[in-house]
């Protein structure tokens, strides 16, 4: 199970920090990702952090503004979002993924709304 929190409404230029707590699986074994989906659009991967050595990847449009991090002791992954713009408005989903043995878990999503 994954449970997200930290979404909300903010003005452009503001910041939010999303959190996602995992339970029921070995959190440290999983790659963690944040996705987002705006109305009428596809779900895009925003940020990725690996299970080992923690290399990260980001969607081009959020590079330099968003930072993904994880705390395996707390079974938690974070997404720090700075300099938010209206195009960041979406439902943000947490995902835990492992290739083998296969594992793929999703959170329920948290709404982020950025007003101009």
PDB file of N, CA and C in Angstrom:
ATOM      1  N   UNK A   1       0.851  -1.196   0.000  1.00  0.00           N
ATOM      2  CA  UNK A   1       0.000   0.000   0.000  1.00  0.00           C
ATOM      3  C   UNK A   1       0.885   1.244   0.000  1.00  0.00           C
ATOM      4  N   UNK A   2       0.434   2.243  -0.765  1.00  0.00           N
ATOM      5  CA  UNK A   2       1.119   3.525  -0.801  1.00  0.00           C
ATOM      6  C   UNK A   2       0.112   4.615  -0.477  1.00  0.00           C
ATOM      7  N   UNK A   3       0.494   5.536   0.397  1.00  0.00           N
ATOM      8  CA  UNK A   3      -0.392   6.623   0.784  1.00  0.00           C
ATOM      9  C   UNK A   3       0.345   7.948   0.606  1.00  0.00           C
ATOM     10  N   UNK A   4      -0.199   8.782  -0.302  1.00  0.00           N
ATOM     11  CA  UNK A   4       0.396  10.094  -0.560  1.00  0.00           C
ATOM     12  C   UNK A   4      -0.236  11.155   0.329  1.00  0.00           C
ATOM     13  N   UNK A   5       0.516  12.208   0.553  1.00  0.00           N
ATOM     14  CA  UNK A   5       0.011  13.380   1.262  1.00  0.00           C
ATOM     15  C   UNK A   5       0.816  14.588   0.819  1.00  0.00           C
ATOM     16  N   UNK A   6       0.312  15.772   1.174  1.00  0.00           N
ATOM     17  CA  UNK A   6       1.055  17.000   0.911  1.00  0.00           C
ATOM     18  C   UNK A   6       0.557  17.826  -0.249  1.00  0.00           C
ATOM     19  N   UNK A   7      -0.423  17.317  -0.980  1.00  0.00           N
ATOM     20  CA  UNK A   7      -0.961  18.105  -2.070  1.00  0.00           C
ATOM     21  C   UNK A   7      -1.753  19.299  -1.556  1.00  0.00           C
ATOM     22  N   UNK A   8      -2.143  20.166  -2.482  1.00  0.00           N
ATOM     23  CA  UNK A   8      -2.929  21.332  -2.097  1.00  0.00           C
ATOM     24  C   UNK A   8      -2.921  22.372  -3.195  1.00  0.00           C
ATOM     25  N   UNK A   9      -3.358  23.565  -2.834  1.00  0.00           N
ATOM     26  CA  UNK A   9      -3.412  24.685  -3.768  1.00  0.00           C
ATOM     27  C   UNK A   9      -2.354  25.706  -3.392  1.00  0.00           C
ATOM     28  N   UNK A  10      -1.672  26.220  -4.409  1.00  0.00           N
ATOM     29  CA  UNK A  10      -0.594  27.182  -4.181  1.00  0.00           C
ATOM     30  C   UNK A  10      -0.539  28.137  -5.363  1.00  0.00           C
ATOM     31  N   UNK A  11      -0.043  29.322  -5.114  1.00  0.00           N
ATOM     32  CA  UNK A  11       0.136  30.276  -6.210  1.00  0.00           C
ATOM     33  C   UNK A  11       1.425  29.980  -6.961  1.00  0.00           C
ATOM     34  N   UNK A  12       1.463  30.419  -8.195  1.00  0.00           N
ATOM     35  CA  UNK A  12       2.662  30.244  -9.008  1.00  0.00           C
ATOM     36  C   UNK A  12       3.875  30.831  -8.283  1.00  0.00           C
ATOM     37  N   UNK A  13       4.972  30.077  -8.355  1.00  0.00           N
ATOM     38  CA  UNK A  13       6.181  30.470  -7.652  1.00  0.00           C
ATOM     39  C   UNK A  13       6.319  29.843  -6.283  1.00  0.00           C
ATOM     40  N   UNK A  14       5.254  29.234  -5.804  1.00  0.00           N
ATOM     41  CA  UNK A  14       5.272  28.621  -4.492  1.00  0.00           C
ATOM     42  C   UNK A  14       5.866  27.227  -4.495  1.00  0.00           C
ATOM     43  N   UNK A  15       5.822  26.596  -3.335  1.00  0.00           N
ATOM     44  CA  UNK A  15       6.420  25.273  -3.140  1.00  0.00           C
ATOM     45  C   UNK A  15       5.451  24.343  -2.423  1.00  0.00           C
ATOM     46  N   UNK A  16       5.596  23.067  -2.701  1.00  0.00           N
ATOM     47  CA  UNK A  16       4.885  22.013  -1.977  1.00  0.00           C
ATOM     48  C   UNK A  16       5.827  20.830  -1.828  1.00  0.00           C
ATOM     49  N   UNK A  17       5.613  20.060  -0.785  1.00  0.00           N
ATOM     50  CA  UNK A  17       6.375  18.831  -0.579  1.00  0.00           C
ATOM     51  C   UNK A  17       5.402  17.670  -0.461  1.00  0.00           C
ATOM     52  N   UNK A  18       5.473  16.752  -1.396  1.00  0.00           N
ATOM     53  CA  UNK A  18       4.652  15.555  -1.358  1.00  0.00           C
ATOM     54  C   UNK A  18       5.391  14.446  -0.628  1.00  0.00           C
ATOM     55  N   UNK A  19       4.637  13.641   0.111  1.00  0.00           N
ATOM     56  CA  UNK A  19       5.181  12.477   0.790  1.00  0.00           C
ATOM     57  C   UNK A  19       4.388  11.244   0.394  1.00  0.00           C
ATOM     58  N   UNK A  20       5.045  10.112   0.410  1.00  0.00           N
ATOM     59  CA  UNK A  20       4.389   8.842   0.090  1.00  0.00           C
ATOM     60  C   UNK A  20       4.969   7.776   1.006  1.00  0.00           C
ATOM     61  N   UNK A  21       4.109   7.180   1.815  1.00  0.00           N
ATOM     62  CA  UNK A  21       4.536   6.149   2.760  1.00  0.00           C
ATOM     63  C   UNK A  21       4.107   4.788   2.243  1.00  0.00           C
ATOM     64  N   UNK A  22       5.036   3.853   2.206  1.00  0.00           N
ATOM     65  CA  UNK A  22       4.750   2.497   1.758  1.00  0.00           C
ATOM     66  C   UNK A  22       4.616   1.534   2.917  1.00  0.00           C
ATOM     67  N   UNK A  23       3.784   0.530   2.738  1.00  0.00           N
ATOM     68  CA  UNK A  23       3.633  -0.524   3.737  1.00  0.00           C
ATOM     69  C   UNK A  23       3.239  -1.815   3.043  1.00  0.00           C
ATOM     70  N   UNK A  24       3.561  -2.935   3.700  1.00  0.00           N
ATOM     71  CA  UNK A  24       3.175  -4.231   3.165  1.00  0.00           C
ATOM     72  C   UNK A  24       4.150  -4.816   2.162  1.00  0.00           C
ATOM     73  N   UNK A  25       5.271  -4.138   1.949  1.00  0.00           N
ATOM     74  CA  UNK A  25       6.299  -4.663   1.055  1.00  0.00           C
ATOM     75  C   UNK A  25       7.649  -4.117   1.518  1.00  0.00           C
ATOM     76  N   UNK A  26       8.730  -4.681   0.983  1.00  0.00           N
ATOM     77  CA  UNK A  26      10.078  -4.263   1.380  1.00  0.00           C
ATOM     78  C   UNK A  26      10.438  -3.004   0.600  1.00  0.00           C
ATOM     79  N   UNK A  27      10.180  -1.870   1.207  1.00  0.00           N
ATOM     80  CA  UNK A  27      10.291  -0.578   0.535  1.00  0.00           C
ATOM     81  C   UNK A  27      11.667  -0.374  -0.089  1.00  0.00           C
ATOM     82  N   UNK A  28      12.712  -0.749   0.622  1.00  0.00           N
ATOM     83  CA  UNK A  28      14.079  -0.478   0.158  1.00  0.00           C
ATOM     84  C   UNK A  28      14.430  -1.254  -1.116  1.00  0.00           C
ATOM     85  N   UNK A  29      13.672  -2.295  -1.444  1.00  0.00           N
ATOM     86  CA  UNK A  29      13.945  -3.101  -2.633  1.00  0.00           C
ATOM     87  C   UNK A  29      13.347  -2.510  -3.901  1.00  0.00           C
ATOM     88  N   UNK A  30      12.531  -1.471  -3.751  1.00  0.00           N
ATOM     89  CA  UNK A  30      11.759  -0.964  -4.869  1.00  0.00           C
ATOM     90  C   UNK A  30      12.282   0.377  -5.368  1.00  0.00           C
ATOM     91  N   UNK A  31      12.252   0.529  -6.698  1.00  0.00           N
ATOM     92  CA  UNK A  31      12.420   1.843  -7.298  1.00  0.00           C
ATOM     93  C   UNK A  31      11.146   2.644  -7.029  1.00  0.00           C
ATOM     94  N   UNK A  32      11.304   3.914  -6.738  1.00  0.00           N
ATOM     95  CA  UNK A  32      10.154   4.766  -6.429  1.00  0.00           C
ATOM     96  C   UNK A  32      10.025   5.870  -7.462  1.00  0.00           C
ATOM     97  N   UNK A  33       8.775   6.127  -7.850  1.00  0.00           N
ATOM     98  CA  UNK A  33       8.526   7.129  -8.879  1.00  0.00           C
ATOM     99  C   UNK A  33       7.328   7.996  -8.498  1.00  0.00           C
ATOM    100  N   UNK A  34       7.356   9.217  -8.981  1.00  0.00           N
ATOM    101  CA  UNK A  34       6.194  10.086  -8.937  1.00  0.00           C
ATOM    102  C   UNK A  34       5.712  10.302 -10.367  1.00  0.00           C
ATOM    103  N   UNK A  35       4.419  10.140 -10.549  1.00  0.00           N
ATOM    104  CA  UNK A  35       3.768  10.412 -11.823  1.00  0.00           C
ATOM    105  C   UNK A  35       2.762  11.541 -11.606  1.00  0.00           C
ATOM    106  N   UNK A  36       2.325  12.141 -12.716  1.00  0.00           N
ATOM    107  CA  UNK A  36       1.233  13.108 -12.614  1.00  0.00           C
ATOM    108  C   UNK A  36       0.335  12.979 -13.837  1.00  0.00           C
ATOM    109  N   UNK A  37      -0.913  13.324 -13.618  1.00  0.00           N
ATOM    110  CA  UNK A  37      -1.887  13.273 -14.698  1.00  0.00           C
ATOM    111  C   UNK A  37      -2.811  14.472 -14.596  1.00  0.00           C
ATOM    112  N   UNK A  38      -2.785  15.290 -15.631  1.00  0.00           N
ATOM    113  CA  UNK A  38      -3.684  16.436 -15.726  1.00  0.00           C
ATOM    114  C   UNK A  38      -4.943  16.026 -16.474  1.00  0.00           C
ATOM    115  N   UNK A  39      -6.054  16.731 -16.286  1.00  0.00           N
ATOM    116  CA  UNK A  39      -7.300  16.371 -16.968  1.00  0.00           C
ATOM    117  C   UNK A  39      -7.117  16.305 -18.477  1.00  0.00           C
ATOM    118  N   UNK A  40      -7.552  15.198 -19.077  1.00  0.00           N
ATOM    119  CA  UNK A  40      -7.476  15.037 -20.519  1.00  0.00           C
ATOM    120  C   UNK A  40      -6.100  14.708 -21.056  1.00  0.00           C
ATOM    121  N   UNK A  41      -5.136  14.472 -20.164  1.00  0.00           N
ATOM    122  CA  UNK A  41      -3.778  14.178 -20.609  1.00  0.00           C
ATOM    123  C   UNK A  41      -3.338  12.815 -20.102  1.00  0.00           C
ATOM    124  N   UNK A  42      -2.252  12.309 -20.691  1.00  0.00           N
ATOM    125  CA  UNK A  42      -1.702  11.030 -20.258  1.00  0.00           C
ATOM    126  C   UNK A  42      -0.954  11.192 -18.935  1.00  0.00           C
ATOM    127  N   UNK A  43      -0.771  10.067 -18.268  1.00  0.00           N
ATOM    128  CA  UNK A  43       0.000  10.071 -17.035  1.00  0.00           C
ATOM    129  C   UNK A  43       1.485  10.078 -17.396  1.00  0.00           C
ATOM    130  N   UNK A  44       2.226  11.031 -16.878  1.00  0.00           N
ATOM    131  CA  UNK A  44       3.648  11.180 -17.160  1.00  0.00           C
ATOM    132  C   UNK A  44       4.478  10.889 -15.912  1.00  0.00           C
ATOM    133  N   UNK A  45       5.633  10.262 -16.113  1.00  0.00           N
ATOM    134  CA  UNK A  45       6.548  10.083 -14.998  1.00  0.00           C
ATOM    135  C   UNK A  45       7.282  11.407 -14.757  1.00  0.00           C
ATOM    136  N   UNK A  46       7.224  11.877 -13.536  1.00  0.00           N
ATOM    137  CA  UNK A  46       7.828  13.162 -13.171  1.00  0.00           C
ATOM    138  C   UNK A  46       9.235  12.966 -12.622  1.00  0.00           C
ATOM    139  N   UNK A  47       9.403  11.953 -11.765  1.00  0.00           N
ATOM    140  CA  UNK A  47      10.697  11.744 -11.124  1.00  0.00           C
ATOM    141  C   UNK A  47      10.840  10.285 -10.719  1.00  0.00           C
ATOM    142  N   UNK A  48      12.076   9.823 -10.716  1.00  0.00           N
ATOM    143  CA  UNK A  48      12.407   8.432 -10.393  1.00  0.00           C
ATOM    144  C   UNK A  48      13.616   8.418  -9.477  1.00  0.00           C
ATOM    145  N   UNK A  49      13.576   7.525  -8.483  1.00  0.00           N
ATOM    146  CA  UNK A  49      14.756   7.305  -7.642  1.00  0.00           C
ATOM    147  C   UNK A  49      14.916   5.804  -7.482  1.00  0.00           C
ATOM    148  N   UNK A  50      16.116   5.330  -7.744  1.00  0.00           N
ATOM    149  CA  UNK A  50      16.355   3.892  -7.744  1.00  0.00           C
ATOM    150  C   UNK A  50      16.479   3.342  -6.332  1.00  0.00           C
ATOM    151  N   UNK A  51      16.369   2.032  -6.242  1.00  0.00           N
ATOM    152  CA  UNK A  51      16.474   1.369  -4.952  1.00  0.00           C
ATOM    153  C   UNK A  51      17.912   1.311  -4.464  1.00  0.00           C
ATOM    154  N   UNK A  52      18.865   1.243  -5.397  1.00  0.00           N
ATOM    155  CA  UNK A  52      20.277   1.114  -5.048  1.00  0.00           C
ATOM    156  C   UNK A  52      21.033   2.340  -5.525  1.00  0.00           C
ATOM    157  N   UNK A  53      21.831   2.904  -4.655  1.00  0.00           N
ATOM    158  CA  UNK A  53      22.661   4.073  -4.979  1.00  0.00           C
ATOM    159  C   UNK A  53      21.854   5.326  -5.294  1.00  0.00           C
ATOM    160  N   UNK A  54      20.558   5.187  -5.330  1.00  0.00           N
ATOM    161  CA  UNK A  54      19.637   6.306  -5.466  1.00  0.00           C
ATOM    162  C   UNK A  54      19.877   7.224  -6.659  1.00  0.00           C
ATOM    163  N   UNK A  55      20.283   6.736  -7.837  1.00  0.00           N
ATOM    164  CA  UNK A  55      20.307   7.660  -8.978  1.00  0.00           C
ATOM    165  C   UNK A  55      18.900   8.129  -9.298  1.00  0.00           C
ATOM    166  N   UNK A  56      18.801   9.339  -9.787  1.00  0.00           N
ATOM    167  CA  UNK A  56      17.505   9.942 -10.034  1.00  0.00           C
ATOM    168  C   UNK A  56      17.354  10.359 -11.491  1.00  0.00           C
ATOM    169  N   UNK A  57      16.113  10.438 -11.930  1.00  0.00           N
ATOM    170  CA  UNK A  57      15.780  10.958 -13.269  1.00  0.00           C
ATOM    171  C   UNK A  57      14.561  11.847 -13.134  1.00  0.00           C
ATOM    172  N   UNK A  58      14.469  12.817 -14.042  1.00  0.00           N
ATOM    173  CA  UNK A  58      13.375  13.777 -13.985  1.00  0.00           C
ATOM    174  C   UNK A  58      12.812  14.053 -15.375  1.00  0.00           C
ATOM    175  N   UNK A  59      11.531  14.374 -15.397  1.00  0.00           N
ATOM    176  CA  UNK A  59      10.900  14.918 -16.595  1.00  0.00           C
ATOM    177  C   UNK A  59      11.600  16.242 -16.914  1.00  0.00           C
ATOM    178  N   UNK A  60      11.877  16.486 -18.195  1.00  0.00           N
ATOM    179  CA  UNK A  60      12.631  17.687 -18.556  1.00  0.00           C
ATOM    180  C   UNK A  60      12.006  18.961 -18.001  1.00  0.00           C
ATOM    181  N   UNK A  61      10.706  19.040 -18.020  1.00  0.00           N
ATOM    182  CA  UNK A  61      10.047  20.289 -17.627  1.00  0.00           C
ATOM    183  C   UNK A  61      10.121  20.583 -16.131  1.00  0.00           C
ATOM    184  N   UNK A  62      10.561  19.620 -15.316  1.00  0.00           N
ATOM    185  CA  UNK A  62      10.652  19.860 -13.878  1.00  0.00           C
ATOM    186  C   UNK A  62      12.094  19.874 -13.381  1.00  0.00           C
ATOM    187  N   UNK A  63      13.046  19.598 -14.269  1.00  0.00           N
ATOM    188  CA  UNK A  63      14.454  19.602 -13.857  1.00  0.00           C
ATOM    189  C   UNK A  63      14.844  20.962 -13.294  1.00  0.00           C
ATOM    190  N   UNK A  64      15.539  20.914 -12.160  1.00  0.00           N
ATOM    191  CA  UNK A  64      15.960  22.142 -11.504  1.00  0.00           C
ATOM    192  C   UNK A  64      14.918  22.726 -10.576  1.00  0.00           C
ATOM    193  N   UNK A  65      13.690  22.223 -10.641  1.00  0.00           N
ATOM    194  CA  UNK A  65      12.610  22.722  -9.773  1.00  0.00           C
ATOM    195  C   UNK A  65      12.134  21.660  -8.781  1.00  0.00           C
ATOM    196  N   UNK A  66      12.122  20.399  -9.208  1.00  0.00           N
ATOM    197  CA  UNK A  66      11.635  19.303  -8.373  1.00  0.00           C
ATOM    198  C   UNK A  66      12.817  18.445  -7.917  1.00  0.00           C
ATOM    199  N   UNK A  67      12.711  17.906  -6.707  1.00  0.00           N
ATOM    200  CA  UNK A  67      13.720  16.997  -6.190  1.00  0.00           C
ATOM    201  C   UNK A  67      13.047  15.799  -5.533  1.00  0.00           C
ATOM    202  N   UNK A  68      13.425  14.605  -5.972  1.00  0.00           N
ATOM    203  CA  UNK A  68      12.914  13.382  -5.367  1.00  0.00           C
ATOM    204  C   UNK A  68      13.953  12.854  -4.388  1.00  0.00           C
ATOM    205  N   UNK A  69      13.484  12.334  -3.269  1.00  0.00           N
ATOM    206  CA  UNK A  69      14.380  11.753  -2.275  1.00  0.00           C
ATOM    207  C   UNK A  69      13.638  10.633  -1.556  1.00  0.00           C
ATOM    208  N   UNK A  70      14.383   9.811  -0.838  1.00  0.00           N
ATOM    209  CA  UNK A  70      13.750   8.707  -0.123  1.00  0.00           C
ATOM    210  C   UNK A  70      14.428   8.515   1.226  1.00  0.00           C
ATOM    211  N   UNK A  71      13.653   8.006   2.174  1.00  0.00           N
ATOM    212  CA  UNK A  71      14.141   7.655   3.499  1.00  0.00           C
ATOM    213  C   UNK A  71      13.664   6.233   3.755  1.00  0.00           C
ATOM    214  N   UNK A  72      14.549   5.272   3.518  1.00  0.00           N
ATOM    215  CA  UNK A  72      14.141   3.870   3.658  1.00  0.00           C
ATOM    216  C   UNK A  72      13.809   3.505   5.097  1.00  0.00           C
ATOM    217  N   UNK A  73      14.399   4.197   6.051  1.00  0.00           N
ATOM    218  CA  UNK A  73      14.093   3.915   7.452  1.00  0.00           C
ATOM    219  C   UNK A  73      12.651   4.274   7.778  1.00  0.00           C
ATOM    220  N   UNK A  74      12.095   5.222   7.018  1.00  0.00           N
ATOM    221  CA  UNK A  74      10.707   5.643   7.235  1.00  0.00           C
ATOM    222  C   UNK A  74       9.765   5.125   6.156  1.00  0.00           C
ATOM    223  N   UNK A  75      10.293   4.307   5.242  1.00  0.00           N
ATOM    224  CA  UNK A  75       9.474   3.787   4.130  1.00  0.00           C
ATOM    225  C   UNK A  75       8.775   4.915   3.383  1.00  0.00           C
ATOM    226  N   UNK A  76       9.500   5.990   3.149  1.00  0.00           N
ATOM    227  CA  UNK A  76       8.893   7.195   2.599  1.00  0.00           C
ATOM    228  C   UNK A  76       9.703   7.743   1.429  1.00  0.00           C
ATOM    229  N   UNK A  77       8.991   8.189   0.404  1.00  0.00           N
ATOM    230  CA  UNK A  77       9.600   8.916  -0.698  1.00  0.00           C
ATOM    231  C   UNK A  77       8.966  10.302  -0.739  1.00  0.00           C
ATOM    232  N   UNK A  78       9.787  11.286  -1.091  1.00  0.00           N
ATOM    233  CA  UNK A  78       9.342  12.674  -1.095  1.00  0.00           C
ATOM    234  C   UNK A  78       9.487  13.270  -2.496  1.00  0.00           C
ATOM    235  N   UNK A  79       8.691  14.284  -2.755  1.00  0.00           N
ATOM    236  CA  UNK A  79       8.879  15.104  -3.946  1.00  0.00           C
ATOM    237  C   UNK A  79       8.790  16.560  -3.522  1.00  0.00           C
ATOM    238  N   UNK A  80       9.940  17.222  -3.490  1.00  0.00           N
ATOM    239  CA  UNK A  80       9.981  18.642  -3.184  1.00  0.00           C
ATOM    240  C   UNK A  80       9.770  19.404  -4.476  1.00  0.00           C
ATOM    241  N   UNK A  81       8.751  20.240  -4.518  1.00  0.00           N
ATOM    242  CA  UNK A  81       8.398  20.981  -5.729  1.00  0.00           C
ATOM    243  C   UNK A  81       8.520  22.469  -5.459  1.00  0.00           C
ATOM    244  N   UNK A  82       9.448  23.104  -6.137  1.00  0.00           N
ATOM    245  CA  UNK A  82       9.681  24.539  -5.998  1.00  0.00           C
ATOM    246  C   UNK A  82       9.358  25.263  -7.302  1.00  0.00           C
ATOM    247  N   UNK A  83       9.208  26.562  -7.214  1.00  0.00           N
ATOM    248  CA  UNK A  83       8.940  27.393  -8.396  1.00  0.00           C
ATOM    249  C   UNK A  83       7.797  26.807  -9.231  1.00  0.00           C
ATOM    250  N   UNK A  84       6.729  26.483  -8.562  1.00  0.00           N
ATOM    251  CA  UNK A  84       5.597  25.847  -9.239  1.00  0.00           C
ATOM    252  C   UNK A  84       4.958  26.782 -10.251  1.00  0.00           C
ATOM    253  N   UNK A  85       4.493  26.186 -11.338  1.00  0.00           N
ATOM    254  CA  UNK A  85       3.821  26.919 -12.409  1.00  0.00           C
ATOM    255  C   UNK A  85       2.461  26.284 -12.656  1.00  0.00           C
ATOM    256  N   UNK A  86       1.524  27.009 -13.283  1.00  0.00           N
ATOM    257  CA  UNK A  86       0.191  26.431 -13.509  1.00  0.00           C
ATOM    258  C   UNK A  86       0.203  25.094 -14.261  1.00  0.00           C
ATOM    259  N   UNK A  87       1.182  24.893 -15.152  1.00  0.00           N
ATOM    260  CA  UNK A  87       1.268  23.625 -15.889  1.00  0.00           C
ATOM    261  C   UNK A  87       1.611  22.433 -15.001  1.00  0.00           C
ATOM    262  N   UNK A  88       1.998  22.691 -13.760  1.00  0.00           N
ATOM    263  CA  UNK A  88       2.260  21.599 -12.816  1.00  0.00           C
ATOM    264  C   UNK A  88       0.970  21.076 -12.188  1.00  0.00           C
ATOM    265  N   UNK A  89      -0.139  21.735 -12.444  1.00  0.00           N
ATOM    266  CA  UNK A  89      -1.425  21.308 -11.897  1.00  0.00           C
ATOM    267  C   UNK A  89      -1.792  19.926 -12.410  1.00  0.00           C
ATOM    268  N   UNK A  90      -2.031  18.999 -11.488  1.00  0.00           N
ATOM    269  CA  UNK A  90      -2.334  17.611 -11.851  1.00  0.00           C
ATOM    270  C   UNK A  90      -2.608  16.825 -10.573  1.00  0.00           C
ATOM    271  N   UNK A  91      -3.057  15.594 -10.768  1.00  0.00           N
ATOM    272  CA  UNK A  91      -3.065  14.631  -9.674  1.00  0.00           C
ATOM    273  C   UNK A  91      -1.718  13.912  -9.703  1.00  0.00           C
ATOM    274  N   UNK A  92      -1.050  13.892  -8.570  1.00  0.00           N
ATOM    275  CA  UNK A  92       0.270  13.272  -8.463  1.00  0.00           C
ATOM    276  C   UNK A  92       0.133  11.905  -7.782  1.00  0.00           C
ATOM    277  N   UNK A  93       0.759  10.906  -8.418  1.00  0.00           N
ATOM    278  CA  UNK A  93       0.678   9.533  -7.938  1.00  0.00           C
ATOM    279  C   UNK A  93       2.065   9.011  -7.569  1.00  0.00           C
ATOM    280  N   UNK A  94       2.113   8.269  -6.506  1.00  0.00           N
ATOM    281  CA  UNK A  94       3.322   7.585  -6.086  1.00  0.00           C
ATOM    282  C   UNK A  94       3.283   6.154  -6.628  1.00  0.00           C
ATOM    283  N   UNK A  95       4.436   5.661  -7.071  1.00  0.00           N
ATOM    284  CA  UNK A  95       4.533   4.311  -7.626  1.00  0.00           C
ATOM    285  C   UNK A  95       5.777   3.616  -7.104  1.00  0.00           C
ATOM    286  N   UNK A  96       5.611   2.370  -6.700  1.00  0.00           N
ATOM    287  CA  UNK A  96       6.728   1.517  -6.303  1.00  0.00           C
ATOM    288  C   UNK A  96       6.830   0.394  -7.328  1.00  0.00           C
ATOM    289  N   UNK A  97       8.028   0.212  -7.875  1.00  0.00           N
ATOM    290  CA  UNK A  97       8.176  -0.745  -8.979  1.00  0.00           C
ATOM    291  C   UNK A  97       9.460  -1.539  -8.822  1.00  0.00           C
ATOM    292  N   UNK A  98       9.345  -2.831  -9.120  1.00  0.00           N
ATOM    293  CA  UNK A  98      10.510  -3.703  -9.108  1.00  0.00           C
ATOM    294  C   UNK A  98      10.362  -4.683 -10.267  1.00  0.00           C
ATOM    295  N   UNK A  99      11.471  -4.927 -10.983  1.00  0.00           N
ATOM    296  CA  UNK A  99      11.401  -5.805 -12.153  1.00  0.00           C
ATOM    297  C   UNK A  99      11.269  -7.264 -11.759  1.00  0.00           C
ATOM    298  N   UNK A 100      12.097  -7.684 -10.741  1.00  0.00           N
ATOM    299  CA  UNK A 100      12.075  -9.102 -10.359  1.00  0.00           C
ATOM    300  C   UNK A 100      12.448  -9.274  -8.907  1.00  0.00           C
ATOM    301  N   UNK A 101      11.707 -10.023  -8.134  1.00  0.00           N
ATOM    302  CA  UNK A 101      10.353 -10.464  -8.464  1.00  0.00           C
ATOM    303  C   UNK A 101       9.461  -9.262  -8.758  1.00  0.00           C
ATOM    304  N   UNK A 102       8.558  -9.432  -9.669  1.00  0.00           N
ATOM    305  CA  UNK A 102       7.741  -8.316 -10.117  1.00  0.00           C
ATOM    306  C   UNK A 102       6.932  -7.689  -8.993  1.00  0.00           C
ATOM    307  N   UNK A 103       6.927  -6.386  -8.977  1.00  0.00           N
ATOM    308  CA  UNK A 103       6.105  -5.670  -8.006  1.00  0.00           C
ATOM    309  C   UNK A 103       5.738  -4.314  -8.569  1.00  0.00           C
ATOM    310  N   UNK A 104       4.512  -3.907  -8.438  1.00  0.00           N
ATOM    311  CA  UNK A 104       4.046  -2.643  -9.001  1.00  0.00           C
ATOM    312  C   UNK A 104       2.878  -2.160  -8.157  1.00  0.00           C
ATOM    313  N   UNK A 105       3.121  -1.134  -7.351  1.00  0.00           N
ATOM    314  CA  UNK A 105       2.108  -0.603  -6.451  1.00  0.00           C
ATOM    315  C   UNK A 105       1.876   0.872  -6.735  1.00  0.00           C
ATOM    316  N   UNK A 106       0.614   1.297  -6.552  1.00  0.00           N
ATOM    317  CA  UNK A 106       0.241   2.681  -6.809  1.00  0.00           C
ATOM    318  C   UNK A 106      -0.494   3.274  -5.621  1.00  0.00           C
ATOM    319  N   UNK A 107      -0.273   4.549  -5.390  1.00  0.00           N
ATOM    320  CA  UNK A 107      -1.053   5.269  -4.412  1.00  0.00           C
ATOM    321  C   UNK A 107      -2.351   5.768  -5.019  1.00  0.00           C
ATOM    322  N   UNK A 108      -3.146   6.412  -4.192  1.00  0.00           N
ATOM    323  CA  UNK A 108      -4.471   6.878  -4.620  1.00  0.00           C
ATOM    324  C   UNK A 108      -4.417   8.238  -5.308  1.00  0.00           C
ATOM    325  N   UNK A 109      -3.303   8.923  -5.189  1.00  0.00           N
ATOM    326  CA  UNK A 109      -3.138  10.224  -5.825  1.00  0.00           C
ATOM    327  C   UNK A 109      -3.432  11.377  -4.893  1.00  0.00           C
ATOM    328  N   UNK A 110      -2.756  12.491  -5.134  1.00  0.00           N
ATOM    329  CA  UNK A 110      -3.000  13.709  -4.375  1.00  0.00           C
ATOM    330  C   UNK A 110      -3.025  14.882  -5.355  1.00  0.00           C
ATOM    331  N   UNK A 111      -3.998  15.767  -5.177  1.00  0.00           N
ATOM    332  CA  UNK A 111      -4.203  16.868  -6.110  1.00  0.00           C
ATOM    333  C   UNK A 111      -3.252  18.018  -5.804  1.00  0.00           C
ATOM    334  N   UNK A 112      -2.612  18.518  -6.855  1.00  0.00           N
ATOM    335  CA  UNK A 112      -1.807  19.730  -6.771  1.00  0.00           C
ATOM    336  C   UNK A 112      -2.392  20.740  -7.750  1.00  0.00           C
ATOM    337  N   UNK A 113      -2.735  21.912  -7.237  1.00  0.00           N
ATOM    338  CA  UNK A 113      -3.309  22.965  -8.073  1.00  0.00           C
ATOM    339  C   UNK A 113      -2.467  24.227  -7.917  1.00  0.00           C
ATOM    340  N   UNK A 114      -1.984  24.740  -9.044  1.00  0.00           N
ATOM    341  CA  UNK A 114      -1.157  25.939  -9.052  1.00  0.00           C
ATOM    342  C   UNK A 114      -1.905  27.027  -9.806  1.00  0.00           C
ATOM    343  N   UNK A 115      -2.165  28.132  -9.132  1.00  0.00           N
ATOM    344  CA  UNK A 115      -2.896  29.241  -9.749  1.00  0.00           C
ATOM    345  C   UNK A 115      -1.929  30.350 -10.151  1.00  0.00           C
ATOM    346  N   UNK A 116      -2.310  31.038 -11.202  1.00  0.00           N
ATOM    347  CA  UNK A 116      -1.438  32.118 -11.713  1.00  0.00           C
ATOM    348  C   UNK A 116      -1.740  33.444 -11.041  1.00  0.00           C
TER     349      UNK A 116
END
